[in-house]
Amino acid sequence: VMLQPESAIAEQFRSLRSRIDALAEKRPLRTIAVTSALPEEGKTMASISLAAVSAMQLARRVVLVECDLREPTIAAALGLRLDAGITELLVDGAPLERAIQRAPGTSLDVIAVRGLPQNPSELLASDAFRRLLEQLAARYERVILDLPPTLGLPDAKIVSGLCDGTVFVVRADATPQADIESALDVLGRERVLGVVMNGADAPTDQYAKYIRG
């Protein structure tokens, strides 16, 4: 999306953005979590891409927040050099401005992970994280949170419960149906806005068609 903003894939994420905006006319959707059932299903790619196209809208302030405190990848993916990250905000009380980075060539703000904490689940369940999320929601029109996979860890359940809605990513021909069902039950189906199918060998308009109103 960032390197080829006019590509077919970028257009599909614009379609996804538009569908979320349509849902936002009926209910508050300022904070949106993105997760998957298992690792390696494309949730971080989806998080970055959705945040990037959301930030392309004029006069819309968007921040991408990395909440995978165990296997962070966003700083490396975006080429960010971090002075502080979300761990330093929550543990050390670092000022918010130290942790916010601008993704190169965009208007997207990013809070990534720098230091790995010893207690990631407890940090995400803390009052400090809740206050951070409230602060960001007051500052930005949209807050996109990249979560760890849902199954096997409590982290996604914790964070998604604090957000206005969740986008769930599955990989075509890879994610077992039973794992999808289990993950949706963990997250709470009523909180899931819809499902994005990643890696489908299909016409370009198939990528985001699974977001439902």
N, C-alpha and C. Protein backbone atom coordinates (compact mmCIF):
# COMPACT_ATOMS: atom_id res chain seq x y z
N VAL A 1 0.83 -1.20 0.00
CA VAL A 1 0.00 0.00 0.00
C VAL A 1 0.87 1.26 0.00
N MET A 2 1.94 1.27 0.79
CA MET A 2 2.80 2.44 0.87
C MET A 2 3.68 2.59 -0.37
N LEU A 3 4.21 1.47 -0.86
CA LEU A 3 5.12 1.53 -2.00
C LEU A 3 4.38 1.68 -3.32
N GLN A 4 3.18 1.11 -3.40
CA GLN A 4 2.39 1.18 -4.62
C GLN A 4 0.96 1.58 -4.28
N PRO A 5 0.76 2.85 -3.94
CA PRO A 5 -0.55 3.29 -3.45
C PRO A 5 -1.66 3.21 -4.49
N GLU A 6 -1.34 3.03 -5.76
CA GLU A 6 -2.37 2.90 -6.78
C GLU A 6 -2.55 1.46 -7.22
N SER A 7 -1.95 0.52 -6.52
CA SER A 7 -2.04 -0.89 -6.90
C SER A 7 -3.43 -1.44 -6.59
N ALA A 8 -3.71 -2.63 -7.15
CA ALA A 8 -5.00 -3.29 -6.90
C ALA A 8 -5.16 -3.63 -5.42
N ILE A 9 -4.08 -4.06 -4.78
CA ILE A 9 -4.16 -4.38 -3.35
C ILE A 9 -4.48 -3.14 -2.54
N ALA A 10 -3.84 -2.00 -2.89
CA ALA A 10 -4.14 -0.76 -2.17
C ALA A 10 -5.61 -0.39 -2.32
N GLU A 11 -6.15 -0.61 -3.51
CA GLU A 11 -7.57 -0.31 -3.72
C GLU A 11 -8.47 -1.19 -2.87
N GLN A 12 -8.06 -2.44 -2.66
CA GLN A 12 -8.87 -3.31 -1.81
C GLN A 12 -8.86 -2.84 -0.36
N PHE A 13 -7.72 -2.31 0.09
CA PHE A 13 -7.70 -1.77 1.45
C PHE A 13 -8.49 -0.46 1.53
N ARG A 14 -8.55 0.29 0.45
CA ARG A 14 -9.44 1.45 0.44
C ARG A 14 -10.90 1.00 0.55
N SER A 15 -11.22 -0.09 -0.13
CA SER A 15 -12.57 -0.63 -0.02
C SER A 15 -12.87 -1.07 1.41
N LEU A 16 -11.89 -1.72 2.03
CA LEU A 16 -12.05 -2.12 3.43
C LEU A 16 -12.25 -0.90 4.32
N ARG A 17 -11.46 0.14 4.08
CA ARG A 17 -11.61 1.39 4.85
C ARG A 17 -13.01 1.97 4.67
N SER A 18 -13.50 1.96 3.44
CA SER A 18 -14.82 2.53 3.17
C SER A 18 -15.92 1.74 3.87
N ARG A 19 -15.75 0.43 3.92
CA ARG A 19 -16.76 -0.39 4.58
C ARG A 19 -16.78 -0.13 6.08
N ILE A 20 -15.59 0.05 6.65
CA ILE A 20 -15.53 0.38 8.07
C ILE A 20 -16.12 1.76 8.32
N ASP A 21 -15.83 2.71 7.43
CA ASP A 21 -16.41 4.05 7.58
C ASP A 21 -17.93 4.00 7.53
N ALA A 22 -18.47 3.13 6.67
CA ALA A 22 -19.93 3.00 6.59
C ALA A 22 -20.49 2.46 7.89
N LEU A 23 -19.80 1.48 8.48
CA LEU A 23 -20.24 0.95 9.78
C LEU A 23 -20.13 2.02 10.86
N ALA A 24 -19.12 2.89 10.74
CA ALA A 24 -18.90 3.92 11.75
C ALA A 24 -20.00 4.98 11.76
N GLU A 25 -20.81 5.02 10.70
CA GLU A 25 -21.94 5.94 10.70
C GLU A 25 -23.06 5.46 11.62
N LYS A 26 -23.01 4.17 11.99
CA LYS A 26 -24.06 3.59 12.82
C LYS A 26 -23.62 3.35 14.25
N ARG A 27 -22.29 3.31 14.48
CA ARG A 27 -21.78 3.03 15.82
C ARG A 27 -20.38 3.59 15.93
N PRO A 28 -19.90 3.91 17.13
CA PRO A 28 -18.54 4.44 17.27
C PRO A 28 -17.50 3.39 16.87
N LEU A 29 -16.57 3.79 16.00
CA LEU A 29 -15.49 2.89 15.58
C LEU A 29 -14.19 3.67 15.52
N ARG A 30 -13.83 4.25 16.64
CA ARG A 30 -12.59 5.01 16.69
C ARG A 30 -11.39 4.11 16.92
N THR A 31 -11.55 3.05 17.72
CA THR A 31 -10.46 2.13 18.01
C THR A 31 -10.78 0.77 17.41
N ILE A 32 -9.89 0.28 16.53
CA ILE A 32 -10.14 -0.96 15.81
C ILE A 32 -8.94 -1.89 15.99
N ALA A 33 -9.22 -3.08 16.52
CA ALA A 33 -8.19 -4.10 16.69
C ALA A 33 -8.12 -4.98 15.45
N VAL A 34 -6.92 -5.44 15.12
CA VAL A 34 -6.73 -6.38 14.01
C VAL A 34 -5.98 -7.59 14.55
N THR A 35 -6.55 -8.78 14.36
CA THR A 35 -5.91 -9.99 14.85
C THR A 35 -6.21 -11.15 13.91
N SER A 36 -5.70 -12.32 14.26
CA SER A 36 -5.93 -13.54 13.50
C SER A 36 -5.98 -14.69 14.50
N ALA A 37 -6.30 -15.87 14.02
CA ALA A 37 -6.32 -17.03 14.91
C ALA A 37 -4.91 -17.49 15.24
N LEU A 38 -4.05 -17.52 14.22
CA LEU A 38 -2.72 -18.11 14.33
C LEU A 38 -1.66 -17.16 13.79
N PRO A 39 -0.38 -17.41 14.07
CA PRO A 39 0.69 -16.60 13.47
C PRO A 39 0.77 -16.80 11.96
N GLU A 40 1.46 -15.89 11.29
CA GLU A 40 1.77 -15.99 9.86
C GLU A 40 0.52 -15.99 8.98
N GLU A 41 -0.49 -15.24 9.40
CA GLU A 41 -1.70 -15.16 8.58
C GLU A 41 -1.90 -13.80 7.93
N GLY A 42 -0.97 -12.86 8.20
CA GLY A 42 -1.02 -11.57 7.52
C GLY A 42 -1.69 -10.46 8.30
N LYS A 43 -1.86 -10.64 9.62
CA LYS A 43 -2.56 -9.61 10.39
C LYS A 43 -1.78 -8.30 10.47
N THR A 44 -0.45 -8.39 10.59
CA THR A 44 0.34 -7.16 10.68
C THR A 44 0.35 -6.43 9.35
N MET A 45 0.46 -7.16 8.24
CA MET A 45 0.35 -6.54 6.92
C MET A 45 -0.99 -5.85 6.78
N ALA A 46 -2.05 -6.51 7.24
CA ALA A 46 -3.38 -5.91 7.15
C ALA A 46 -3.48 -4.67 8.04
N SER A 47 -2.91 -4.74 9.24
CA SER A 47 -2.94 -3.59 10.15
C SER A 47 -2.23 -2.39 9.54
N ILE A 48 -1.03 -2.61 9.04
CA ILE A 48 -0.25 -1.52 8.44
C ILE A 48 -0.99 -0.95 7.24
N SER A 49 -1.51 -1.81 6.39
CA SER A 49 -2.15 -1.35 5.16
C SER A 49 -3.44 -0.59 5.46
N LEU A 50 -4.24 -1.10 6.38
CA LEU A 50 -5.46 -0.40 6.74
C LEU A 50 -5.16 0.95 7.37
N ALA A 51 -4.16 0.99 8.25
CA ALA A 51 -3.77 2.26 8.86
C ALA A 51 -3.24 3.24 7.82
N ALA A 52 -2.46 2.74 6.86
CA ALA A 52 -1.88 3.61 5.84
C ALA A 52 -2.95 4.24 4.96
N VAL A 53 -3.92 3.45 4.49
CA VAL A 53 -4.95 4.03 3.64
C VAL A 53 -5.89 4.92 4.44
N SER A 54 -6.07 4.62 5.71
CA SER A 54 -6.90 5.49 6.56
C SER A 54 -6.24 6.85 6.72
N ALA A 55 -4.90 6.86 6.83
CA ALA A 55 -4.17 8.11 7.00
C ALA A 55 -4.11 8.92 5.71
N MET A 56 -4.42 8.29 4.57
CA MET A 56 -4.42 9.02 3.29
C MET A 56 -5.61 9.96 3.16
N GLN A 57 -6.64 9.73 3.96
CA GLN A 57 -7.81 10.61 3.91
C GLN A 57 -7.45 11.99 4.45
N LEU A 58 -7.90 13.01 3.77
CA LEU A 58 -7.56 14.37 4.16
C LEU A 58 -8.11 14.70 5.53
N ALA A 59 -7.27 15.34 6.32
CA ALA A 59 -7.66 15.85 7.65
C ALA A 59 -8.03 14.75 8.63
N ARG A 60 -7.63 13.51 8.36
CA ARG A 60 -7.89 12.43 9.31
C ARG A 60 -6.59 12.04 9.99
N ARG A 61 -6.57 12.12 11.29
CA ARG A 61 -5.39 11.73 12.06
C ARG A 61 -5.53 10.26 12.46
N VAL A 62 -4.51 9.48 12.12
CA VAL A 62 -4.54 8.03 12.33
C VAL A 62 -3.25 7.61 13.02
N VAL A 63 -3.37 6.69 13.97
CA VAL A 63 -2.19 6.12 14.63
C VAL A 63 -2.29 4.60 14.60
N LEU A 64 -1.19 3.97 14.30
CA LEU A 64 -1.06 2.52 14.35
C LEU A 64 -0.32 2.15 15.62
N VAL A 65 -0.91 1.27 16.43
CA VAL A 65 -0.31 0.90 17.71
C VAL A 65 0.01 -0.60 17.70
N GLU A 66 1.27 -0.93 17.89
CA GLU A 66 1.68 -2.33 17.94
C GLU A 66 1.46 -2.87 19.35
N CYS A 67 0.60 -3.90 19.44
CA CYS A 67 0.30 -4.50 20.74
C CYS A 67 0.81 -5.93 20.83
N ASP A 68 1.62 -6.34 19.90
CA ASP A 68 2.27 -7.65 19.99
C ASP A 68 3.59 -7.43 20.73
N LEU A 69 3.55 -7.62 22.03
CA LEU A 69 4.71 -7.34 22.87
C LEU A 69 5.66 -8.53 22.98
N ARG A 70 5.37 -9.59 22.21
CA ARG A 70 6.21 -10.80 22.25
C ARG A 70 7.02 -10.96 20.97
N GLU A 71 6.39 -10.71 19.81
CA GLU A 71 7.06 -10.87 18.52
C GLU A 71 6.80 -9.63 17.66
N PRO A 72 7.34 -8.49 18.06
CA PRO A 72 7.05 -7.26 17.31
C PRO A 72 7.79 -7.22 15.97
N THR A 73 7.13 -6.65 14.96
CA THR A 73 7.73 -6.57 13.62
C THR A 73 7.52 -5.22 12.94
N ILE A 74 6.70 -4.37 13.51
CA ILE A 74 6.31 -3.15 12.79
C ILE A 74 7.47 -2.19 12.59
N ALA A 75 8.31 -2.00 13.61
CA ALA A 75 9.44 -1.07 13.46
C ALA A 75 10.35 -1.51 12.32
N ALA A 76 10.64 -2.80 12.23
CA ALA A 76 11.49 -3.30 11.15
C ALA A 76 10.79 -3.17 9.81
N ALA A 77 9.49 -3.45 9.77
CA ALA A 77 8.74 -3.38 8.51
C ALA A 77 8.70 -1.97 7.95
N LEU A 78 8.62 -0.98 8.83
CA LEU A 78 8.50 0.42 8.40
C LEU A 78 9.82 1.18 8.45
N GLY A 79 10.88 0.51 8.88
CA GLY A 79 12.18 1.16 8.94
C GLY A 79 12.27 2.25 9.99
N LEU A 80 11.64 2.02 11.14
CA LEU A 80 11.63 3.02 12.20
C LEU A 80 12.77 2.80 13.17
N ARG A 81 13.37 3.88 13.64
CA ARG A 81 14.36 3.83 14.71
C ARG A 81 13.71 4.42 15.96
N LEU A 82 13.53 3.58 16.96
CA LEU A 82 12.73 3.95 18.11
C LEU A 82 13.58 4.45 19.26
N ASP A 83 13.20 5.61 19.78
CA ASP A 83 13.77 6.09 21.03
C ASP A 83 13.00 5.52 22.20
N ALA A 84 11.71 5.31 22.00
CA ALA A 84 10.84 4.71 23.00
C ALA A 84 9.68 4.06 22.27
N GLY A 85 9.03 3.11 22.94
CA GLY A 85 7.90 2.41 22.35
C GLY A 85 6.82 2.23 23.38
N ILE A 86 5.90 1.34 23.09
CA ILE A 86 4.75 1.18 23.98
C ILE A 86 5.17 0.64 25.35
N THR A 87 6.20 -0.20 25.39
CA THR A 87 6.66 -0.70 26.69
C THR A 87 7.17 0.43 27.57
N GLU A 88 7.95 1.32 26.96
CA GLU A 88 8.49 2.44 27.72
C GLU A 88 7.37 3.38 28.19
N LEU A 89 6.32 3.51 27.39
CA LEU A 89 5.18 4.32 27.82
C LEU A 89 4.52 3.73 29.06
N LEU A 90 4.31 2.40 29.01
CA LEU A 90 3.53 1.75 30.08
C LEU A 90 4.35 1.46 31.33
N VAL A 91 5.64 1.13 31.14
CA VAL A 91 6.47 0.72 32.27
C VAL A 91 7.24 1.89 32.87
N ASP A 92 7.84 2.68 31.99
CA ASP A 92 8.74 3.74 32.45
C ASP A 92 8.07 5.11 32.52
N GLY A 93 6.86 5.21 32.01
CA GLY A 93 6.19 6.51 32.02
C GLY A 93 6.79 7.49 31.04
N ALA A 94 7.36 6.99 29.94
CA ALA A 94 7.94 7.87 28.93
C ALA A 94 6.87 8.77 28.33
N PRO A 95 7.22 10.00 27.97
CA PRO A 95 6.24 10.89 27.34
C PRO A 95 5.74 10.31 26.02
N LEU A 96 4.48 10.55 25.72
CA LEU A 96 3.89 10.01 24.50
C LEU A 96 4.63 10.46 23.26
N GLU A 97 5.07 11.70 23.24
CA GLU A 97 5.73 12.23 22.04
C GLU A 97 7.02 11.48 21.72
N ARG A 98 7.68 10.91 22.73
CA ARG A 98 8.91 10.15 22.47
C ARG A 98 8.62 8.85 21.73
N ALA A 99 7.44 8.32 21.93
CA ALA A 99 7.11 7.02 21.34
C ALA A 99 6.46 7.12 19.97
N ILE A 100 5.89 8.28 19.64
CA ILE A 100 5.20 8.42 18.36
C ILE A 100 6.20 8.68 17.25
N GLN A 101 6.16 7.84 16.23
CA GLN A 101 7.01 8.00 15.06
C GLN A 101 6.12 8.20 13.84
N ARG A 102 6.60 8.92 12.84
CA ARG A 102 5.88 9.11 11.59
C ARG A 102 6.42 8.10 10.56
N ALA A 103 5.54 7.29 10.02
CA ALA A 103 5.95 6.34 8.99
C ALA A 103 6.47 7.10 7.79
N PRO A 104 7.66 6.76 7.28
CA PRO A 104 8.28 7.53 6.20
C PRO A 104 7.37 7.69 4.98
N GLY A 105 7.28 8.93 4.51
CA GLY A 105 6.53 9.21 3.30
C GLY A 105 5.02 9.21 3.47
N THR A 106 4.54 9.22 4.73
CA THR A 106 3.10 9.17 4.99
C THR A 106 2.73 10.20 6.05
N SER A 107 1.45 10.28 6.35
CA SER A 107 0.98 11.09 7.48
C SER A 107 0.53 10.19 8.62
N LEU A 108 0.96 8.93 8.59
CA LEU A 108 0.57 7.94 9.60
C LEU A 108 1.52 7.98 10.79
N ASP A 109 0.95 8.14 11.98
CA ASP A 109 1.73 8.04 13.21
C ASP A 109 1.76 6.58 13.66
N VAL A 110 2.86 6.20 14.29
CA VAL A 110 3.06 4.81 14.70
C VAL A 110 3.63 4.78 16.12
N ILE A 111 3.07 3.91 16.94
CA ILE A 111 3.67 3.57 18.23
C ILE A 111 4.01 2.09 18.17
N ALA A 112 5.28 1.79 18.07
CA ALA A 112 5.73 0.41 17.91
C ALA A 112 6.33 -0.11 19.23
N VAL A 113 6.85 -1.31 19.18
CA VAL A 113 7.46 -1.94 20.36
C VAL A 113 8.98 -1.80 20.26
N ARG A 114 9.59 -1.28 21.31
CA ARG A 114 11.04 -1.20 21.39
C ARG A 114 11.57 -2.27 22.34
N GLY A 115 11.27 -2.14 23.62
CA GLY A 115 11.71 -3.13 24.60
C GLY A 115 10.65 -4.19 24.83
N LEU A 116 11.09 -5.43 25.02
CA LEU A 116 10.17 -6.54 25.29
C LEU A 116 9.96 -6.67 26.79
N PRO A 117 8.73 -6.55 27.26
CA PRO A 117 8.47 -6.64 28.69
C PRO A 117 8.43 -8.09 29.15
N GLN A 118 8.58 -8.29 30.44
CA GLN A 118 8.50 -9.63 31.00
C GLN A 118 7.06 -10.06 31.24
N ASN A 119 6.15 -9.10 31.26
CA ASN A 119 4.76 -9.40 31.60
C ASN A 119 3.80 -8.78 30.58
N PRO A 120 3.85 -9.21 29.31
CA PRO A 120 3.04 -8.55 28.28
C PRO A 120 1.54 -8.59 28.54
N SER A 121 1.02 -9.72 28.97
CA SER A 121 -0.43 -9.81 29.20
C SER A 121 -0.87 -8.85 30.30
N GLU A 122 -0.09 -8.79 31.37
CA GLU A 122 -0.44 -7.91 32.48
C GLU A 122 -0.36 -6.43 32.07
N LEU A 123 0.61 -6.09 31.22
CA LEU A 123 0.71 -4.71 30.75
C LEU A 123 -0.51 -4.31 29.93
N LEU A 124 -0.94 -5.21 29.04
CA LEU A 124 -2.09 -4.90 28.20
C LEU A 124 -3.39 -4.84 29.00
N ALA A 125 -3.42 -5.51 30.15
CA ALA A 125 -4.60 -5.48 31.01
C ALA A 125 -4.53 -4.37 32.06
N SER A 126 -3.48 -3.57 32.02
CA SER A 126 -3.25 -2.59 33.08
C SER A 126 -4.07 -1.32 32.87
N ASP A 127 -4.23 -0.57 33.95
CA ASP A 127 -4.89 0.74 33.86
C ASP A 127 -4.08 1.68 32.98
N ALA A 128 -2.75 1.51 32.98
CA ALA A 128 -1.91 2.39 32.17
C ALA A 128 -2.21 2.21 30.68
N PHE A 129 -2.41 0.97 30.25
CA PHE A 129 -2.75 0.75 28.85
C PHE A 129 -4.14 1.30 28.53
N ARG A 130 -5.07 1.09 29.43
CA ARG A 130 -6.41 1.63 29.21
C ARG A 130 -6.37 3.16 29.08
N ARG A 131 -5.59 3.80 29.95
CA ARG A 131 -5.48 5.27 29.87
C ARG A 131 -4.82 5.69 28.56
N LEU A 132 -3.80 4.93 28.12
CA LEU A 132 -3.15 5.25 26.85
C LEU A 132 -4.14 5.17 25.70
N LEU A 133 -4.95 4.12 25.69
CA LEU A 133 -5.92 3.96 24.62
C LEU A 133 -6.94 5.10 24.63
N GLU A 134 -7.37 5.51 25.79
CA GLU A 134 -8.30 6.63 25.90
C GLU A 134 -7.66 7.92 25.41
N GLN A 135 -6.39 8.11 25.75
CA GLN A 135 -5.67 9.31 25.31
C GLN A 135 -5.55 9.34 23.79
N LEU A 136 -5.23 8.21 23.19
CA LEU A 136 -5.09 8.15 21.74
C LEU A 136 -6.43 8.35 21.04
N ALA A 137 -7.49 7.77 21.61
CA ALA A 137 -8.81 7.91 21.01
C ALA A 137 -9.30 9.36 21.05
N ALA A 138 -8.84 10.12 22.03
CA ALA A 138 -9.20 11.53 22.10
C ALA A 138 -8.37 12.38 21.14
N ARG A 139 -7.23 11.88 20.75
CA ARG A 139 -6.29 12.63 19.91
C ARG A 139 -6.43 12.32 18.43
N TYR A 140 -6.81 11.08 18.11
CA TYR A 140 -6.86 10.63 16.71
C TYR A 140 -8.29 10.24 16.33
N GLU A 141 -8.58 10.41 15.01
CA GLU A 141 -9.89 9.98 14.51
C GLU A 141 -9.98 8.46 14.42
N ARG A 142 -8.84 7.81 14.18
CA ARG A 142 -8.85 6.34 14.13
C ARG A 142 -7.56 5.80 14.74
N VAL A 143 -7.74 4.80 15.59
CA VAL A 143 -6.62 4.11 16.23
C VAL A 143 -6.68 2.65 15.79
N ILE A 144 -5.66 2.19 15.07
CA ILE A 144 -5.58 0.81 14.59
C ILE A 144 -4.57 0.07 15.46
N LEU A 145 -5.01 -1.04 16.06
CA LEU A 145 -4.14 -1.78 16.97
C LEU A 145 -3.81 -3.14 16.37
N ASP A 146 -2.53 -3.41 16.20
CA ASP A 146 -2.07 -4.71 15.71
C ASP A 146 -1.86 -5.64 16.90
N LEU A 147 -2.70 -6.67 17.00
CA LEU A 147 -2.70 -7.57 18.15
C LEU A 147 -1.94 -8.85 17.84
N PRO A 148 -1.53 -9.60 18.86
CA PRO A 148 -0.99 -10.94 18.64
C PRO A 148 -2.10 -11.87 18.15
N PRO A 149 -1.73 -13.08 17.70
CA PRO A 149 -2.75 -14.07 17.35
C PRO A 149 -3.65 -14.36 18.55
N THR A 150 -4.87 -14.77 18.28
CA THR A 150 -5.88 -14.94 19.33
C THR A 150 -5.69 -16.22 20.13
N LEU A 151 -5.40 -17.32 19.45
CA LEU A 151 -5.37 -18.61 20.13
C LEU A 151 -4.05 -18.81 20.87
N GLY A 152 -4.14 -19.31 22.08
CA GLY A 152 -2.95 -19.63 22.86
C GLY A 152 -2.46 -18.52 23.77
N LEU A 153 -2.97 -17.30 23.59
CA LEU A 153 -2.55 -16.17 24.41
C LEU A 153 -3.78 -15.37 24.82
N PRO A 154 -3.75 -14.75 26.00
CA PRO A 154 -4.89 -13.92 26.40
C PRO A 154 -4.86 -12.51 25.83
N ASP A 155 -3.74 -12.11 25.21
CA ASP A 155 -3.52 -10.72 24.84
C ASP A 155 -4.59 -10.16 23.91
N ALA A 156 -4.92 -10.90 22.84
CA ALA A 156 -5.89 -10.39 21.86
C ALA A 156 -7.26 -10.21 22.50
N LYS A 157 -7.66 -11.14 23.33
CA LYS A 157 -8.94 -11.03 24.03
C LYS A 157 -8.96 -9.79 24.91
N ILE A 158 -7.87 -9.55 25.62
CA ILE A 158 -7.79 -8.40 26.53
C ILE A 158 -7.96 -7.10 25.76
N VAL A 159 -7.16 -6.93 24.70
CA VAL A 159 -7.14 -5.65 23.99
C VAL A 159 -8.41 -5.45 23.16
N SER A 160 -8.87 -6.50 22.48
CA SER A 160 -10.06 -6.36 21.65
C SER A 160 -11.27 -5.97 22.49
N GLY A 161 -11.29 -6.41 23.75
CA GLY A 161 -12.40 -6.05 24.62
C GLY A 161 -12.43 -4.57 24.97
N LEU A 162 -11.32 -3.87 24.77
CA LEU A 162 -11.25 -2.43 25.04
C LEU A 162 -11.54 -1.59 23.80
N CYS A 163 -11.62 -2.24 22.63
CA CYS A 163 -11.76 -1.53 21.37
C CYS A 163 -13.21 -1.49 20.91
N ASP A 164 -13.49 -0.61 19.96
CA ASP A 164 -14.84 -0.48 19.44
C ASP A 164 -15.22 -1.62 18.51
N GLY A 165 -14.24 -2.26 17.91
CA GLY A 165 -14.51 -3.36 17.00
C GLY A 165 -13.23 -4.06 16.61
N THR A 166 -13.36 -5.25 16.02
CA THR A 166 -12.21 -6.06 15.64
C THR A 166 -12.34 -6.54 14.21
N VAL A 167 -11.24 -6.45 13.47
CA VAL A 167 -11.14 -7.04 12.14
C VAL A 167 -10.32 -8.32 12.27
N PHE A 168 -10.85 -9.40 11.75
CA PHE A 168 -10.24 -10.72 11.91
C PHE A 168 -9.67 -11.18 10.57
N VAL A 169 -8.39 -11.56 10.56
CA VAL A 169 -7.69 -11.95 9.33
C VAL A 169 -7.52 -13.46 9.28
N VAL A 170 -7.86 -14.05 8.15
CA VAL A 170 -7.60 -15.47 7.91
C VAL A 170 -6.80 -15.60 6.63
N ARG A 171 -6.02 -16.67 6.53
CA ARG A 171 -5.26 -16.93 5.30
C ARG A 171 -5.97 -17.99 4.48
N ALA A 172 -6.19 -17.68 3.23
CA ALA A 172 -6.91 -18.59 2.35
C ALA A 172 -6.19 -19.93 2.24
N ASP A 173 -6.95 -21.00 2.32
CA ASP A 173 -6.43 -22.36 2.15
C ASP A 173 -5.38 -22.72 3.19
N ALA A 174 -5.37 -22.01 4.32
CA ALA A 174 -4.36 -22.28 5.35
C ALA A 174 -4.96 -22.34 6.75
N THR A 175 -5.81 -21.37 7.10
CA THR A 175 -6.34 -21.34 8.46
C THR A 175 -7.42 -22.41 8.62
N PRO A 176 -7.23 -23.35 9.54
CA PRO A 176 -8.25 -24.39 9.75
C PRO A 176 -9.57 -23.79 10.22
N GLN A 177 -10.66 -24.32 9.70
CA GLN A 177 -11.99 -23.82 10.07
C GLN A 177 -12.22 -23.90 11.57
N ALA A 178 -11.74 -24.99 12.19
CA ALA A 178 -11.94 -25.13 13.63
C ALA A 178 -11.24 -24.03 14.40
N ASP A 179 -10.05 -23.60 13.95
CA ASP A 179 -9.33 -22.53 14.62
C ASP A 179 -10.03 -21.19 14.42
N ILE A 180 -10.60 -20.98 13.24
CA ILE A 180 -11.37 -19.76 13.01
C ILE A 180 -12.54 -19.68 13.98
N GLU A 181 -13.28 -20.78 14.09
CA GLU A 181 -14.45 -20.80 14.97
C GLU A 181 -14.04 -20.57 16.42
N SER A 182 -12.94 -21.22 16.84
CA SER A 182 -12.48 -21.08 18.22
C SER A 182 -12.06 -19.64 18.51
N ALA A 183 -11.33 -19.03 17.57
CA ALA A 183 -10.86 -17.67 17.77
C ALA A 183 -12.02 -16.69 17.83
N LEU A 184 -13.02 -16.87 16.97
CA LEU A 184 -14.18 -15.98 16.99
C LEU A 184 -14.94 -16.11 18.30
N ASP A 185 -15.00 -17.31 18.84
CA ASP A 185 -15.65 -17.50 20.13
C ASP A 185 -14.87 -16.80 21.24
N VAL A 186 -13.54 -16.85 21.18
CA VAL A 186 -12.72 -16.19 22.19
C VAL A 186 -12.92 -14.68 22.13
N LEU A 187 -12.91 -14.12 20.93
CA LEU A 187 -13.02 -12.67 20.76
C LEU A 187 -14.43 -12.17 21.09
N GLY A 188 -15.41 -13.03 20.87
CA GLY A 188 -16.81 -12.59 20.99
C GLY A 188 -17.30 -12.17 19.63
N ARG A 189 -18.13 -12.99 19.02
CA ARG A 189 -18.54 -12.74 17.64
C ARG A 189 -19.22 -11.39 17.46
N GLU A 190 -19.90 -10.93 18.49
CA GLU A 190 -20.60 -9.66 18.38
C GLU A 190 -19.65 -8.47 18.27
N ARG A 191 -18.38 -8.67 18.64
CA ARG A 191 -17.40 -7.59 18.59
C ARG A 191 -16.61 -7.59 17.29
N VAL A 192 -16.78 -8.63 16.47
CA VAL A 192 -16.02 -8.75 15.24
C VAL A 192 -16.77 -8.07 14.10
N LEU A 193 -16.14 -7.06 13.49
CA LEU A 193 -16.76 -6.34 12.40
C LEU A 193 -16.89 -7.21 11.16
N GLY A 194 -15.91 -8.07 10.95
CA GLY A 194 -15.91 -8.92 9.78
C GLY A 194 -14.57 -9.60 9.62
N VAL A 195 -14.43 -10.32 8.53
CA VAL A 195 -13.25 -11.15 8.29
C VAL A 195 -12.60 -10.74 6.97
N VAL A 196 -11.30 -10.58 6.97
CA VAL A 196 -10.52 -10.31 5.77
C VAL A 196 -9.82 -11.60 5.36
N MET A 197 -10.02 -12.03 4.12
CA MET A 197 -9.32 -13.21 3.62
C MET A 197 -8.04 -12.76 2.93
N ASN A 198 -6.92 -13.20 3.45
CA ASN A 198 -5.60 -12.83 2.94
C ASN A 198 -5.03 -13.97 2.10
N GLY A 199 -4.30 -13.63 1.05
CA GLY A 199 -3.62 -14.64 0.26
C GLY A 199 -4.51 -15.43 -0.65
N ALA A 200 -5.71 -14.91 -0.98
CA ALA A 200 -6.62 -15.63 -1.85
C ALA A 200 -6.20 -15.46 -3.31
N ASP A 201 -6.18 -16.55 -4.05
CA ASP A 201 -5.91 -16.51 -5.48
C ASP A 201 -7.23 -16.29 -6.18
N ALA A 202 -7.64 -15.02 -6.20
CA ALA A 202 -8.98 -14.69 -6.69
C ALA A 202 -8.94 -13.31 -7.33
N PRO A 203 -10.00 -12.91 -8.04
CA PRO A 203 -10.05 -11.54 -8.57
C PRO A 203 -9.85 -10.52 -7.46
N THR A 204 -9.34 -9.36 -7.82
CA THR A 204 -8.93 -8.38 -6.81
C THR A 204 -10.06 -7.92 -5.92
N ASP A 205 -11.31 -7.99 -6.40
CA ASP A 205 -12.38 -7.50 -5.54
C ASP A 205 -12.77 -8.50 -4.46
N GLN A 206 -12.06 -9.63 -4.39
CA GLN A 206 -12.38 -10.62 -3.38
C GLN A 206 -11.71 -10.34 -2.04
N TYR A 207 -10.65 -9.52 -2.04
CA TYR A 207 -9.82 -9.42 -0.83
C TYR A 207 -10.60 -8.98 0.39
N ALA A 208 -11.43 -7.96 0.22
CA ALA A 208 -12.09 -7.39 1.39
C ALA A 208 -13.59 -7.62 1.40
N LYS A 209 -14.08 -8.54 0.59
CA LYS A 209 -15.52 -8.67 0.47
C LYS A 209 -16.16 -9.26 1.72
N TYR A 210 -15.34 -9.78 2.63
CA TYR A 210 -15.91 -10.45 3.78
C TYR A 210 -16.21 -9.53 4.95
N ILE A 211 -15.90 -8.25 4.82
CA ILE A 211 -16.34 -7.31 5.84
C ILE A 211 -17.85 -7.13 5.69
N ARG A 212 -18.59 -7.36 6.73
CA ARG A 212 -20.03 -7.30 6.65
C ARG A 212 -20.56 -6.14 7.46
N GLY A 213 -21.67 -5.63 7.04
CA GLY A 213 -22.31 -4.54 7.77
C GLY A 213 -23.24 -5.07 8.81
